[in-house]
Amino acid sequence: MELTNQDELKAHLMATNESFKVLAEQHAQLKQRLEAIEAKPHLTLSDEDEEHQIKKQKLRLKDQMNQILAQYRAQQVA
């Protein structure tokens, strides 16, 4: 099965790859937490620290998801 569209590939992996699904769900949860923090009219130092930590976690998760995408693409080519 050839998936050309990035969104199609992500949807396919969400349905077939448990690791990718877990990472994507964690990423979505962090995105919601980040949006809640950024919606505050004034951020405390604690909020700013949490925002920074969440952004780092989101990047790590995205890197892991991209690694799975790259591995899947490599398997499809081989």
Protein backbone atom coordinates (compact mmCIF):
# COMPACT_ATOMS: atom_id res chain seq x y z
CA MET A 1 0.00 0.00 0.00
CA GLU A 2 1.51 3.30 -1.08
CA LEU A 3 0.65 6.32 1.00
CA THR A 4 1.80 9.56 -0.55
CA ASN A 5 0.09 12.16 1.58
CA GLN A 6 1.68 12.89 4.98
CA ASP A 7 -1.76 13.02 6.64
CA GLU A 8 -2.75 9.69 5.09
CA LEU A 9 0.45 8.11 6.35
CA LYS A 10 -0.10 9.48 9.86
CA ALA A 11 -3.70 8.21 9.86
CA HIS A 12 -2.50 4.80 8.69
CA LEU A 13 0.12 4.63 11.45
CA MET A 14 -2.42 5.79 14.05
CA ALA A 15 -4.53 2.79 13.08
CA THR A 16 -1.77 0.21 12.70
CA ASN A 17 1.18 1.22 14.90
CA GLU A 18 0.52 1.30 18.64
CA SER A 19 3.75 3.16 19.43
CA PHE A 20 2.94 5.91 16.95
CA LYS A 21 -0.61 6.15 18.29
CA VAL A 22 0.58 6.53 21.90
CA LEU A 23 3.11 9.20 20.91
CA ALA A 24 0.51 11.11 18.90
CA GLU A 25 -1.99 10.99 21.77
CA GLN A 26 0.63 12.24 24.24
CA HIS A 27 1.56 15.02 21.81
CA ALA A 28 -2.11 16.06 21.52
CA GLN A 29 -2.51 16.12 25.31
CA LEU A 30 0.57 18.31 25.69
CA LYS A 31 -0.73 20.60 22.96
CA GLN A 32 -3.97 21.06 24.91
CA ARG A 33 -2.07 21.80 28.13
CA LEU A 34 0.12 24.29 26.30
CA GLU A 35 -2.91 26.03 24.77
CA ALA A 36 -4.49 26.30 28.23
CA ILE A 37 -1.37 27.92 29.63
CA GLU A 38 -1.02 30.30 26.68
CA ALA A 39 -4.67 31.33 27.02
CA LYS A 40 -4.01 32.82 30.45
CA PRO A 41 -3.90 36.61 30.48
CA HIS A 42 -0.82 36.60 32.75
CA LEU A 43 1.74 33.85 33.14
CA THR A 44 3.44 33.20 36.45
CA LEU A 45 7.03 31.99 36.61
CA SER A 46 5.64 28.53 37.26
CA ASP A 47 3.46 28.80 34.14
CA GLU A 48 6.44 29.90 32.07
CA ASP A 49 8.53 27.01 33.37
CA GLU A 50 5.75 24.53 32.63
CA GLU A 51 5.29 26.03 29.16
CA HIS A 52 9.00 25.57 28.47
CA GLN A 53 8.97 21.95 29.69
CA ILE A 54 5.87 21.11 27.65
CA LYS A 55 7.44 22.55 24.50
CA LYS A 56 10.53 20.39 25.05
CA GLN A 57 8.38 17.28 25.61
CA LYS A 58 6.34 18.01 22.48
CA LEU A 59 9.51 18.30 20.41
CA ARG A 60 10.83 14.99 21.74
CA LEU A 61 7.54 13.28 20.92
CA LYS A 62 7.46 14.82 17.45
CA ASP A 63 11.02 13.62 16.82
CA GLN A 64 10.03 10.10 17.86
CA MET A 65 6.96 10.22 15.61
CA ASN A 66 9.07 11.45 12.69
CA GLN A 67 11.50 8.61 13.28
CA ILE A 68 8.66 6.08 13.02
CA LEU A 69 7.42 7.80 9.84
CA ALA A 70 10.91 7.62 8.33
CA GLN A 71 11.27 3.94 9.25
CA TYR A 72 7.90 3.17 7.69
CA ARG A 73 8.82 5.01 4.49
CA ALA A 74 12.16 3.18 4.32
CA GLN A 75 10.39 -0.17 4.67
CA GLN A 76 7.99 0.75 1.87
CA VAL A 77 10.84 1.61 -0.48
CA ALA A 78 12.86 -1.53 0.28
